[in-house]
Amino acid sequence: MGLNIEVTWDEPVTIGLLEQFINQAKAGGASSDTVLEEITHDQDPQVPLGWRVPATGTAGLPREVAMPHRLMWNIHSMLDQIGSGDGDVRELQAEINGLDSQLWEALMKHVGQ
């Protein structure tokens, strides 16, 4: 099973979302020459739903990788806020997206090693 970097258009696509997709694709081994795969609807392949780029060099045994201390601390803090809250995380969405992006970038540094 390979790892893919994907962006779908189920919500409005912003420049920030495209920037995050491109950064993740580059961290996954994509270059400026990498061709995007189109994600299409199962029942109607003429309906585009997004783009996909396979991450290269992800084969091999799973291993532990170091997580930057600051990122680990921020994720712990976020999980604590979610766990102790009332269940409504909409106010935390931007912070969650930022942490997700940072975690993905930290992970993708180890792809292919």
PDB file of N, CA and C in Angstrom:
ATOM      1  N   MET A   1       0.841  -1.172   0.000  1.00  0.00           N
ATOM      2  CA  MET A   1       0.000   0.000   0.000  1.00  0.00           C
ATOM      3  C   MET A   1       0.883   1.231   0.000  1.00  0.00           C
ATOM      4  N   GLY A   2       0.679   2.095  -0.969  1.00  0.00           N
ATOM      5  CA  GLY A   2       1.470   3.306  -1.064  1.00  0.00           C
ATOM      6  C   GLY A   2       0.797   4.472  -0.358  1.00  0.00           C
ATOM      7  N   LEU A   3       1.576   5.478  -0.105  1.00  0.00           N
ATOM      8  CA  LEU A   3       1.095   6.694   0.538  1.00  0.00           C
ATOM      9  C   LEU A   3       0.847   7.737  -0.531  1.00  0.00           C
ATOM     10  N   ASN A   4      -0.314   8.385  -0.477  1.00  0.00           N
ATOM     11  CA  ASN A   4      -0.663   9.417  -1.442  1.00  0.00           C
ATOM     12  C   ASN A   4      -0.872  10.748  -0.733  1.00  0.00           C
ATOM     13  N   ILE A   5      -0.541  11.808  -1.410  1.00  0.00           N
ATOM     14  CA  ILE A   5      -0.868  13.151  -0.962  1.00  0.00           C
ATOM     15  C   ILE A   5      -2.030  13.584  -1.832  1.00  0.00           C
ATOM     16  N   GLU A   6      -3.138  14.010  -1.196  1.00  0.00           N
ATOM     17  CA  GLU A   6      -4.332  14.332  -1.954  1.00  0.00           C
ATOM     18  C   GLU A   6      -4.919  15.666  -1.537  1.00  0.00           C
ATOM     19  N   VAL A   7      -5.587  16.300  -2.470  1.00  0.00           N
ATOM     20  CA  VAL A   7      -6.417  17.469  -2.195  1.00  0.00           C
ATOM     21  C   VAL A   7      -7.729  17.219  -2.924  1.00  0.00           C
ATOM     22  N   THR A   8      -8.842  17.404  -2.201  1.00  0.00           N
ATOM     23  CA  THR A   8     -10.149  17.221  -2.817  1.00  0.00           C
ATOM     24  C   THR A   8     -10.934  18.521  -2.719  1.00  0.00           C
ATOM     25  N   TRP A   9     -11.907  18.608  -3.601  1.00  0.00           N
ATOM     26  CA  TRP A   9     -12.676  19.839  -3.704  1.00  0.00           C
ATOM     27  C   TRP A   9     -14.034  19.706  -3.047  1.00  0.00           C
ATOM     28  N   ASP A  10     -14.101  19.029  -1.885  1.00  0.00           N
ATOM     29  CA  ASP A  10     -15.370  18.917  -1.183  1.00  0.00           C
ATOM     30  C   ASP A  10     -15.689  20.181  -0.385  1.00  0.00           C
ATOM     31  N   GLU A  11     -14.726  21.065  -0.265  1.00  0.00           N
ATOM     32  CA  GLU A  11     -14.899  22.375   0.351  1.00  0.00           C
ATOM     33  C   GLU A  11     -14.229  23.387  -0.568  1.00  0.00           C
ATOM     34  N   PRO A  12     -14.476  24.685  -0.353  1.00  0.00           N
ATOM     35  CA  PRO A  12     -13.810  25.674  -1.204  1.00  0.00           C
ATOM     36  C   PRO A  12     -12.284  25.520  -1.157  1.00  0.00           C
ATOM     37  N   VAL A  13     -11.663  25.538  -2.317  1.00  0.00           N
ATOM     38  CA  VAL A  13     -10.213  25.406  -2.410  1.00  0.00           C
ATOM     39  C   VAL A  13      -9.602  26.797  -2.286  1.00  0.00           C
ATOM     40  N   THR A  14      -8.693  26.932  -1.330  1.00  0.00           N
ATOM     41  CA  THR A  14      -8.029  28.211  -1.097  1.00  0.00           C
ATOM     42  C   THR A  14      -6.578  28.122  -1.550  1.00  0.00           C
ATOM     43  N   ILE A  15      -5.949  29.259  -1.683  1.00  0.00           N
ATOM     44  CA  ILE A  15      -4.522  29.297  -2.021  1.00  0.00           C
ATOM     45  C   ILE A  15      -3.731  28.562  -0.937  1.00  0.00           C
ATOM     46  N   GLY A  16      -4.117  28.752   0.318  1.00  0.00           N
ATOM     47  CA  GLY A  16      -3.431  28.073   1.422  1.00  0.00           C
ATOM     48  C   GLY A  16      -3.532  26.565   1.324  1.00  0.00           C
ATOM     49  N   LEU A  17      -4.711  26.059   0.941  1.00  0.00           N
ATOM     50  CA  LEU A  17      -4.893  24.619   0.788  1.00  0.00           C
ATOM     51  C   LEU A  17      -4.022  24.090  -0.347  1.00  0.00           C
ATOM     52  N   LEU A  18      -3.975  24.818  -1.458  1.00  0.00           N
ATOM     53  CA  LEU A  18      -3.107  24.401  -2.569  1.00  0.00           C
ATOM     54  C   LEU A  18      -1.637  24.457  -2.175  1.00  0.00           C
ATOM     55  N   GLU A  19      -1.260  25.499  -1.428  1.00  0.00           N
ATOM     56  CA  GLU A  19       0.122  25.624  -0.967  1.00  0.00           C
ATOM     57  C   GLU A  19       0.494  24.448  -0.068  1.00  0.00           C
ATOM     58  N   GLN A  20      -0.411  24.079   0.835  1.00  0.00           N
ATOM     59  CA  GLN A  20      -0.164  22.940   1.724  1.00  0.00           C
ATOM     60  C   GLN A  20      -0.023  21.651   0.915  1.00  0.00           C
ATOM     61  N   PHE A  21      -0.900  21.454  -0.074  1.00  0.00           N
ATOM     62  CA  PHE A  21      -0.838  20.283  -0.935  1.00  0.00           C
ATOM     63  C   PHE A  21       0.499  20.208  -1.665  1.00  0.00           C
ATOM     64  N   ILE A  22       0.933  21.330  -2.229  1.00  0.00           N
ATOM     65  CA  ILE A  22       2.202  21.362  -2.963  1.00  0.00           C
ATOM     66  C   ILE A  22       3.376  21.095  -2.023  1.00  0.00           C
ATOM     67  N   ASN A  23       3.374  21.698  -0.846  1.00  0.00           N
ATOM     68  CA  ASN A  23       4.458  21.466   0.116  1.00  0.00           C
ATOM     69  C   ASN A  23       4.523  20.007   0.538  1.00  0.00           C
ATOM     70  N   GLN A  24       3.360  19.411   0.795  1.00  0.00           N
ATOM     71  CA  GLN A  24       3.332  18.003   1.182  1.00  0.00           C
ATOM     72  C   GLN A  24       3.775  17.108   0.032  1.00  0.00           C
ATOM     73  N   ALA A  25       3.356  17.437  -1.182  1.00  0.00           N
ATOM     74  CA  ALA A  25       3.766  16.646  -2.346  1.00  0.00           C
ATOM     75  C   ALA A  25       5.276  16.721  -2.537  1.00  0.00           C
ATOM     76  N   LYS A  26       5.855  17.916  -2.394  1.00  0.00           N
ATOM     77  CA  LYS A  26       7.309  18.060  -2.522  1.00  0.00           C
ATOM     78  C   LYS A  26       8.032  17.298  -1.421  1.00  0.00           C
ATOM     79  N   ALA A  27       7.500  17.370  -0.196  1.00  0.00           N
ATOM     80  CA  ALA A  27       8.113  16.617   0.904  1.00  0.00           C
ATOM     81  C   ALA A  27       8.011  15.118   0.661  1.00  0.00           C
ATOM     82  N   GLY A  28       6.996  14.695  -0.094  1.00  0.00           N
ATOM     83  CA  GLY A  28       6.814  13.288  -0.425  1.00  0.00           C
ATOM     84  C   GLY A  28       7.587  12.832  -1.639  1.00  0.00           C
ATOM     85  N   GLY A  29       8.382  13.731  -2.227  1.00  0.00           N
ATOM     86  CA  GLY A  29       9.236  13.341  -3.328  1.00  0.00           C
ATOM     87  C   GLY A  29       8.829  13.888  -4.689  1.00  0.00           C
ATOM     88  N   ALA A  30       7.745  14.650  -4.762  1.00  0.00           N
ATOM     89  CA  ALA A  30       7.320  15.211  -6.048  1.00  0.00           C
ATOM     90  C   ALA A  30       8.256  16.345  -6.463  1.00  0.00           C
ATOM     91  N   SER A  31       8.389  16.518  -7.762  1.00  0.00           N
ATOM     92  CA  SER A  31       9.183  17.616  -8.306  1.00  0.00           C
ATOM     93  C   SER A  31       8.282  18.465  -9.195  1.00  0.00           C
ATOM     94  N   SER A  32       8.846  19.496  -9.777  1.00  0.00           N
ATOM     95  CA  SER A  32       8.044  20.352 -10.652  1.00  0.00           C
ATOM     96  C   SER A  32       7.583  19.610 -11.902  1.00  0.00           C
ATOM     97  N   ASP A  33       8.189  18.465 -12.213  1.00  0.00           N
ATOM     98  CA  ASP A  33       7.801  17.670 -13.376  1.00  0.00           C
ATOM     99  C   ASP A  33       6.786  16.573 -13.049  1.00  0.00           C
ATOM    100  N   THR A  34       6.458  16.399 -11.772  1.00  0.00           N
ATOM    101  CA  THR A  34       5.533  15.343 -11.364  1.00  0.00           C
ATOM    102  C   THR A  34       4.134  15.635 -11.897  1.00  0.00           C
ATOM    103  N   VAL A  35       3.536  14.634 -12.504  1.00  0.00           N
ATOM    104  CA  VAL A  35       2.194  14.766 -13.062  1.00  0.00           C
ATOM    105  C   VAL A  35       1.169  14.448 -11.974  1.00  0.00           C
ATOM    106  N   LEU A  36       0.159  15.301 -11.853  1.00  0.00           N
ATOM    107  CA  LEU A  36      -0.912  15.086 -10.891  1.00  0.00           C
ATOM    108  C   LEU A  36      -1.865  14.030 -11.421  1.00  0.00           C
ATOM    109  N   GLU A  37      -2.286  13.113 -10.548  1.00  0.00           N
ATOM    110  CA  GLU A  37      -3.330  12.156 -10.907  1.00  0.00           C
ATOM    111  C   GLU A  37      -4.663  12.782 -10.531  1.00  0.00           C
ATOM    112  N   GLU A  38      -5.637  12.662 -11.387  1.00  0.00           N
ATOM    113  CA  GLU A  38      -6.947  13.223 -11.091  1.00  0.00           C
ATOM    114  C   GLU A  38      -7.753  12.209 -10.274  1.00  0.00           C
ATOM    115  N   ILE A  39      -8.382  12.675  -9.216  1.00  0.00           N
ATOM    116  CA  ILE A  39      -9.304  11.853  -8.438  1.00  0.00           C
ATOM    117  C   ILE A  39     -10.685  12.100  -9.033  1.00  0.00           C
ATOM    118  N   THR A  40     -11.379  11.025  -9.415  1.00  0.00           N
ATOM    119  CA  THR A  40     -12.690  11.179 -10.045  1.00  0.00           C
ATOM    120  C   THR A  40     -13.749  10.427  -9.252  1.00  0.00           C
ATOM    121  N   HIS A  41     -14.993  10.738  -9.543  1.00  0.00           N
ATOM    122  CA  HIS A  41     -16.135  10.101  -8.895  1.00  0.00           C
ATOM    123  C   HIS A  41     -16.202   8.644  -9.340  1.00  0.00           C
ATOM    124  N   ASP A  42     -16.524   7.730  -8.395  1.00  0.00           N
ATOM    125  CA  ASP A  42     -16.583   6.305  -8.708  1.00  0.00           C
ATOM    126  C   ASP A  42     -17.611   5.979  -9.799  1.00  0.00           C
ATOM    127  N   GLN A  43     -18.802   6.579  -9.722  1.00  0.00           N
ATOM    128  CA  GLN A  43     -19.844   6.279 -10.691  1.00  0.00           C
ATOM    129  C   GLN A  43     -19.700   7.057 -11.999  1.00  0.00           C
ATOM    130  N   ASP A  44     -19.005   8.181 -11.945  1.00  0.00           N
ATOM    131  CA  ASP A  44     -18.854   8.997 -13.148  1.00  0.00           C
ATOM    132  C   ASP A  44     -17.426   9.530 -13.241  1.00  0.00           C
ATOM    133  N   PRO A  45     -16.547   8.814 -13.935  1.00  0.00           N
ATOM    134  CA  PRO A  45     -15.150   9.234 -14.031  1.00  0.00           C
ATOM    135  C   PRO A  45     -14.945  10.591 -14.702  1.00  0.00           C
ATOM    136  N   GLN A  46     -16.000  11.162 -15.276  1.00  0.00           N
ATOM    137  CA  GLN A  46     -15.895  12.485 -15.893  1.00  0.00           C
ATOM    138  C   GLN A  46     -15.981  13.611 -14.850  1.00  0.00           C
ATOM    139  N   VAL A  47     -16.348  13.264 -13.612  1.00  0.00           N
ATOM    140  CA  VAL A  47     -16.506  14.267 -12.555  1.00  0.00           C
ATOM    141  C   VAL A  47     -15.228  14.315 -11.718  1.00  0.00           C
ATOM    142  N   PRO A  48     -14.425  15.376 -11.881  1.00  0.00           N
ATOM    143  CA  PRO A  48     -13.191  15.472 -11.087  1.00  0.00           C
ATOM    144  C   PRO A  48     -13.505  15.878  -9.649  1.00  0.00           C
ATOM    145  N   LEU A  49     -12.819  15.219  -8.704  1.00  0.00           N
ATOM    146  CA  LEU A  49     -13.019  15.499  -7.286  1.00  0.00           C
ATOM    147  C   LEU A  49     -11.772  16.047  -6.603  1.00  0.00           C
ATOM    148  N   GLY A  50     -10.629  15.969  -7.276  1.00  0.00           N
ATOM    149  CA  GLY A  50      -9.397  16.456  -6.670  1.00  0.00           C
ATOM    150  C   GLY A  50      -8.175  15.957  -7.404  1.00  0.00           C
ATOM    151  N   TRP A  51      -7.027  16.109  -6.747  1.00  0.00           N
ATOM    152  CA  TRP A  51      -5.748  15.649  -7.300  1.00  0.00           C
ATOM    153  C   TRP A  51      -5.036  14.759  -6.297  1.00  0.00           C
ATOM    154  N   ARG A  52      -4.174  13.898  -6.829  1.00  0.00           N
ATOM    155  CA  ARG A  52      -3.394  12.971  -6.004  1.00  0.00           C
ATOM    156  C   ARG A  52      -1.982  12.903  -6.560  1.00  0.00           C
ATOM    157  N   VAL A  53      -1.020  12.794  -5.644  1.00  0.00           N
ATOM    158  CA  VAL A  53       0.371  12.574  -6.010  1.00  0.00           C
ATOM    159  C   VAL A  53       0.883  11.436  -5.135  1.00  0.00           C
ATOM    160  N   PRO A  54       1.367  10.346  -5.732  1.00  0.00           N
ATOM    161  CA  PRO A  54       1.929   9.279  -4.905  1.00  0.00           C
ATOM    162  C   PRO A  54       3.236   9.741  -4.256  1.00  0.00           C
ATOM    163  N   ALA A  55       3.390   9.456  -2.969  1.00  0.00           N
ATOM    164  CA  ALA A  55       4.654   9.736  -2.288  1.00  0.00           C
ATOM    165  C   ALA A  55       5.625   8.630  -2.666  1.00  0.00           C
ATOM    166  N   THR A  56       6.842   8.998  -2.981  1.00  0.00           N
ATOM    167  CA  THR A  56       7.836   8.004  -3.392  1.00  0.00           C
ATOM    168  C   THR A  56       8.682   7.593  -2.202  1.00  0.00           C
ATOM    169  N   GLY A  57       9.229   6.399  -2.280  1.00  0.00           N
ATOM    170  CA  GLY A  57      10.168   5.944  -1.256  1.00  0.00           C
ATOM    171  C   GLY A  57       9.546   5.606   0.072  1.00  0.00           C
ATOM    172  N   THR A  58       8.264   5.203   0.091  1.00  0.00           N
ATOM    173  CA  THR A  58       7.625   4.903   1.360  1.00  0.00           C
ATOM    174  C   THR A  58       7.657   3.416   1.706  1.00  0.00           C
ATOM    175  N   ALA A  59       8.227   2.593   0.849  1.00  0.00           N
ATOM    176  CA  ALA A  59       8.263   1.165   1.118  1.00  0.00           C
ATOM    177  C   ALA A  59       9.259   0.856   2.223  1.00  0.00           C
ATOM    178  N   GLY A  60       9.052  -0.259   2.866  1.00  0.00           N
ATOM    179  CA  GLY A  60       9.967  -0.671   3.913  1.00  0.00           C
ATOM    180  C   GLY A  60       9.241  -0.880   5.224  1.00  0.00           C
ATOM    181  N   LEU A  61       9.983  -1.326   6.209  1.00  0.00           N
ATOM    182  CA  LEU A  61       9.406  -1.590   7.511  1.00  0.00           C
ATOM    183  C   LEU A  61       9.090  -0.293   8.244  1.00  0.00           C
ATOM    184  N   PRO A  62       7.971  -0.270   8.975  1.00  0.00           N
ATOM    185  CA  PRO A  62       7.681   0.910   9.776  1.00  0.00           C
ATOM    186  C   PRO A  62       8.769   1.097  10.828  1.00  0.00           C
ATOM    187  N   ARG A  63       9.066   2.347  11.127  1.00  0.00           N
ATOM    188  CA  ARG A  63      10.080   2.615  12.133  1.00  0.00           C
ATOM    189  C   ARG A  63       9.695   3.853  12.910  1.00  0.00           C
ATOM    190  N   GLU A  64      10.310   4.012  14.049  1.00  0.00           N
ATOM    191  CA  GLU A  64      10.063   5.203  14.839  1.00  0.00           C
ATOM    192  C   GLU A  64      10.921   6.339  14.300  1.00  0.00           C
ATOM    193  N   VAL A  65      10.345   7.529  14.289  1.00  0.00           N
ATOM    194  CA  VAL A  65      11.081   8.713  13.877  1.00  0.00           C
ATOM    195  C   VAL A  65      10.938   9.763  14.972  1.00  0.00           C
ATOM    196  N   ALA A  66      11.923  10.605  15.065  1.00  0.00           N
ATOM    197  CA  ALA A  66      11.894  11.648  16.084  1.00  0.00           C
ATOM    198  C   ALA A  66      10.920  12.747  15.676  1.00  0.00           C
ATOM    199  N   MET A  67      10.165  13.223  16.655  1.00  0.00           N
ATOM    200  CA  MET A  67       9.260  14.345  16.429  1.00  0.00           C
ATOM    201  C   MET A  67       9.847  15.556  17.139  1.00  0.00           C
ATOM    202  N   PRO A  68       9.896  16.694  16.470  1.00  0.00           N
ATOM    203  CA  PRO A  68      10.415  17.890  17.130  1.00  0.00           C
ATOM    204  C   PRO A  68       9.664  18.164  18.430  1.00  0.00           C
ATOM    205  N   HIS A  69      10.408  18.514  19.471  1.00  0.00           N
ATOM    206  CA  HIS A  69       9.829  18.720  20.796  1.00  0.00           C
ATOM    207  C   HIS A  69       8.684  19.727  20.765  1.00  0.00           C
ATOM    208  N   ARG A  70       8.877  20.834  20.079  1.00  0.00           N
ATOM    209  CA  ARG A  70       7.847  21.878  20.025  1.00  0.00           C
ATOM    210  C   ARG A  70       6.563  21.351  19.397  1.00  0.00           C
ATOM    211  N   LEU A  71       6.686  20.558  18.345  1.00  0.00           N
ATOM    212  CA  LEU A  71       5.516  19.984  17.695  1.00  0.00           C
ATOM    213  C   LEU A  71       4.817  19.003  18.628  1.00  0.00           C
ATOM    214  N   MET A  72       5.584  18.181  19.309  1.00  0.00           N
ATOM    215  CA  MET A  72       5.020  17.231  20.255  1.00  0.00           C
ATOM    216  C   MET A  72       4.253  17.975  21.353  1.00  0.00           C
ATOM    217  N   TRP A  73       4.833  19.045  21.860  1.00  0.00           N
ATOM    218  CA  TRP A  73       4.196  19.838  22.903  1.00  0.00           C
ATOM    219  C   TRP A  73       2.889  20.457  22.382  1.00  0.00           C
ATOM    220  N   ASN A  74       2.918  21.004  21.171  1.00  0.00           N
ATOM    221  CA  ASN A  74       1.722  21.628  20.601  1.00  0.00           C
ATOM    222  C   ASN A  74       0.608  20.610  20.365  1.00  0.00           C
ATOM    223  N   ILE A  75       0.967  19.425  19.914  1.00  0.00           N
ATOM    224  CA  ILE A  75      -0.037  18.381  19.702  1.00  0.00           C
ATOM    225  C   ILE A  75      -0.623  17.945  21.036  1.00  0.00           C
ATOM    226  N   HIS A  76       0.215  17.773  22.040  1.00  0.00           N
ATOM    227  CA  HIS A  76      -0.274  17.419  23.372  1.00  0.00           C
ATOM    228  C   HIS A  76      -1.250  18.476  23.885  1.00  0.00           C
ATOM    229  N   SER A  77      -0.885  19.740  23.725  1.00  0.00           N
ATOM    230  CA  SER A  77      -1.748  20.841  24.171  1.00  0.00           C
ATOM    231  C   SER A  77      -3.081  20.824  23.432  1.00  0.00           C
ATOM    232  N   MET A  78      -3.040  20.597  22.136  1.00  0.00           N
ATOM    233  CA  MET A  78      -4.265  20.567  21.346  1.00  0.00           C
ATOM    234  C   MET A  78      -5.158  19.411  21.778  1.00  0.00           C
ATOM    235  N   LEU A  79      -4.587  18.239  21.965  1.00  0.00           N
ATOM    236  CA  LEU A  79      -5.381  17.088  22.397  1.00  0.00           C
ATOM    237  C   LEU A  79      -5.980  17.328  23.773  1.00  0.00           C
ATOM    238  N   ASP A  80      -5.238  17.997  24.648  1.00  0.00           N
ATOM    239  CA  ASP A  80      -5.750  18.338  25.976  1.00  0.00           C
ATOM    240  C   ASP A  80      -6.946  19.281  25.857  1.00  0.00           C
ATOM    241  N   GLN A  81      -6.853  20.276  24.979  1.00  0.00           N
ATOM    242  CA  GLN A  81      -7.965  21.211  24.770  1.00  0.00           C
ATOM    243  C   GLN A  81      -9.196  20.490  24.228  1.00  0.00           C
ATOM    244  N   ILE A  82      -8.979  19.579  23.312  1.00  0.00           N
ATOM    245  CA  ILE A  82     -10.095  18.823  22.738  1.00  0.00           C
ATOM    246  C   ILE A  82     -10.711  17.908  23.797  1.00  0.00           C
ATOM    247  N   GLY A  83      -9.859  17.213  24.541  1.00  0.00           N
ATOM    248  CA  GLY A  83     -10.337  16.269  25.552  1.00  0.00           C
ATOM    249  C   GLY A  83     -11.065  16.924  26.709  1.00  0.00           C
ATOM    250  N   SER A  84     -10.684  18.120  27.051  1.00  0.00           N
ATOM    251  CA  SER A  84     -11.306  18.787  28.192  1.00  0.00           C
ATOM    252  C   SER A  84     -12.408  19.754  27.770  1.00  0.00           C
ATOM    253  N   GLY A  85     -12.656  19.866  26.473  1.00  0.00           N
ATOM    254  CA  GLY A  85     -13.675  20.787  25.968  1.00  0.00           C
ATOM    255  C   GLY A  85     -15.049  20.158  25.950  1.00  0.00           C
ATOM    256  N   ASP A  86     -15.976  20.866  25.355  1.00  0.00           N
ATOM    257  CA  ASP A  86     -17.361  20.412  25.293  1.00  0.00           C
ATOM    258  C   ASP A  86     -17.675  19.602  24.033  1.00  0.00           C
ATOM    259  N   GLY A  87     -16.663  19.299  23.252  1.00  0.00           N
ATOM    260  CA  GLY A  87     -16.849  18.505  22.037  1.00  0.00           C
ATOM    261  C   GLY A  87     -16.932  19.324  20.766  1.00  0.00           C
ATOM    262  N   ASP A  88     -17.074  20.625  20.886  1.00  0.00           N
ATOM    263  CA  ASP A  88     -17.157  21.497  19.718  1.00  0.00           C
ATOM    264  C   ASP A  88     -15.752  22.018  19.409  1.00  0.00           C
ATOM    265  N   VAL A  89     -15.157  21.509  18.363  1.00  0.00           N
ATOM    266  CA  VAL A  89     -13.780  21.874  18.022  1.00  0.00           C
ATOM    267  C   VAL A  89     -13.704  22.867  16.867  1.00  0.00           C
ATOM    268  N   ARG A  90     -14.833  23.430  16.471  1.00  0.00           N
ATOM    269  CA  ARG A  90     -14.829  24.349  15.323  1.00  0.00           C
ATOM    270  C   ARG A  90     -13.921  25.549  15.555  1.00  0.00           C
ATOM    271  N   GLU A  91     -13.842  26.035  16.787  1.00  0.00           N
ATOM    272  CA  GLU A  91     -12.982  27.180  17.072  1.00  0.00           C
ATOM    273  C   GLU A  91     -11.501  26.828  16.962  1.00  0.00           C
ATOM    274  N   LEU A  92     -11.197  25.546  17.033  1.00  0.00           N
ATOM    275  CA  LEU A  92      -9.810  25.089  16.991  1.00  0.00           C
ATOM    276  C   LEU A  92      -9.381  24.648  15.593  1.00  0.00           C
ATOM    277  N   GLN A  93     -10.275  24.751  14.615  1.00  0.00           N
ATOM    278  CA  GLN A  93     -10.011  24.204  13.287  1.00  0.00           C
ATOM    279  C   GLN A  93      -8.729  24.743  12.655  1.00  0.00           C
ATOM    280  N   ALA A  94      -8.492  26.036  12.725  1.00  0.00           N
ATOM    281  CA  ALA A  94      -7.291  26.609  12.112  1.00  0.00           C
ATOM    282  C   ALA A  94      -6.037  26.080  12.796  1.00  0.00           C
ATOM    283  N   GLU A  95      -6.069  25.995  14.116  1.00  0.00           N
ATOM    284  CA  GLU A  95      -4.913  25.481  14.856  1.00  0.00           C
ATOM    285  C   GLU A  95      -4.694  23.994  14.569  1.00  0.00           C
ATOM    286  N   ILE A  96      -5.779  23.238  14.473  1.00  0.00           N
ATOM    287  CA  ILE A  96      -5.679  21.811  14.142  1.00  0.00           C
ATOM    288  C   ILE A  96      -5.068  21.641  12.755  1.00  0.00           C
ATOM    289  N   ASN A  97      -5.523  22.442  11.788  1.00  0.00           N
ATOM    290  CA  ASN A  97      -4.972  22.356  10.430  1.00  0.00           C
ATOM    291  C   ASN A  97      -3.490  22.707  10.413  1.00  0.00           C
ATOM    292  N   GLY A  98      -3.089  23.703  11.187  1.00  0.00           N
ATOM    293  CA  GLY A  98      -1.679  24.076  11.269  1.00  0.00           C
ATOM    294  C   GLY A  98      -0.829  22.961  11.855  1.00  0.00           C
ATOM    295  N   LEU A  99      -1.317  22.340  12.933  1.00  0.00           N
ATOM    296  CA  LEU A  99      -0.582  21.229  13.540  1.00  0.00           C
ATOM    297  C   LEU A  99      -0.518  20.028  12.608  1.00  0.00           C
ATOM    298  N   ASP A 100      -1.606  19.769  11.900  1.00  0.00           N
ATOM    299  CA  ASP A 100      -1.611  18.676  10.938  1.00  0.00           C
ATOM    300  C   ASP A 100      -0.549  18.893   9.868  1.00  0.00           C
ATOM    301  N   SER A 101      -0.462  20.105   9.373  1.00  0.00           N
ATOM    302  CA  SER A 101       0.536  20.439   8.353  1.00  0.00           C
ATOM    303  C   SER A 101       1.957  20.272   8.892  1.00  0.00           C
ATOM    304  N   GLN A 102       2.205  20.749  10.107  1.00  0.00           N
ATOM    305  CA  GLN A 102       3.538  20.623  10.709  1.00  0.00           C
ATOM    306  C   GLN A 102       3.897  19.162  10.941  1.00  0.00           C
ATOM    307  N   LEU A 103       2.934  18.383  11.422  1.00  0.00           N
ATOM    308  CA  LEU A 103       3.182  16.960  11.660  1.00  0.00           C
ATOM    309  C   LEU A 103       3.472  16.248  10.348  1.00  0.00           C
ATOM    310  N   TRP A 104       2.720  16.579   9.302  1.00  0.00           N
ATOM    311  CA  TRP A 104       2.947  15.960   7.993  1.00  0.00           C
ATOM    312  C   TRP A 104       4.335  16.299   7.466  1.00  0.00           C
ATOM    313  N   GLU A 105       4.743  17.544   7.583  1.00  0.00           N
ATOM    314  CA  GLU A 105       6.073  17.953   7.112  1.00  0.00           C
ATOM    315  C   GLU A 105       7.168  17.217   7.884  1.00  0.00           C
ATOM    316  N   ALA A 106       6.986  17.070   9.200  1.00  0.00           N
ATOM    317  CA  ALA A 106       7.974  16.340  10.003  1.00  0.00           C
ATOM    318  C   ALA A 106       8.043  14.885   9.567  1.00  0.00           C
ATOM    319  N   LEU A 107       6.891  14.292   9.294  1.00  0.00           N
ATOM    320  CA  LEU A 107       6.855  12.905   8.842  1.00  0.00           C
ATOM    321  C   LEU A 107       7.494  12.749   7.473  1.00  0.00           C
ATOM    322  N   MET A 108       7.185  13.649   6.547  1.00  0.00           N
ATOM    323  CA  MET A 108       7.657  13.510   5.179  1.00  0.00           C
ATOM    324  C   MET A 108       9.167  13.696   5.061  1.00  0.00           C
ATOM    325  N   LYS A 109       9.805  14.286   6.061  1.00  0.00           N
ATOM    326  CA  LYS A 109      11.265  14.398   6.048  1.00  0.00           C
ATOM    327  C   LYS A 109      11.911  13.019   6.101  1.00  0.00           C
ATOM    328  N   HIS A 110      11.164  12.024   6.567  1.00  0.00           N
ATOM    329  CA  HIS A 110      11.714  10.679   6.735  1.00  0.00           C
ATOM    330  C   HIS A 110      11.302   9.722   5.624  1.00  0.00           C
ATOM    331  N   VAL A 111      10.487  10.187   4.680  1.00  0.00           N
ATOM    332  CA  VAL A 111      10.054   9.335   3.571  1.00  0.00           C
ATOM    333  C   VAL A 111      11.282   9.031   2.710  1.00  0.00           C
ATOM    334  N   GLY A 112      11.455   7.769   2.421  1.00  0.00           N
ATOM    335  CA  GLY A 112      12.551   7.350   1.561  1.00  0.00           C
ATOM    336  C   GLY A 112      13.850   7.061   2.303  1.00  0.00           C
ATOM    337  N   GLN A 113      13.848   7.224   3.610  1.00  0.00           N
ATOM    338  CA  GLN A 113      15.076   6.943   4.376  1.00  0.00           C
ATOM    339  C   GLN A 113      15.092   5.499   4.827  1.00  0.00           C
TER     340      GLN A 113
END
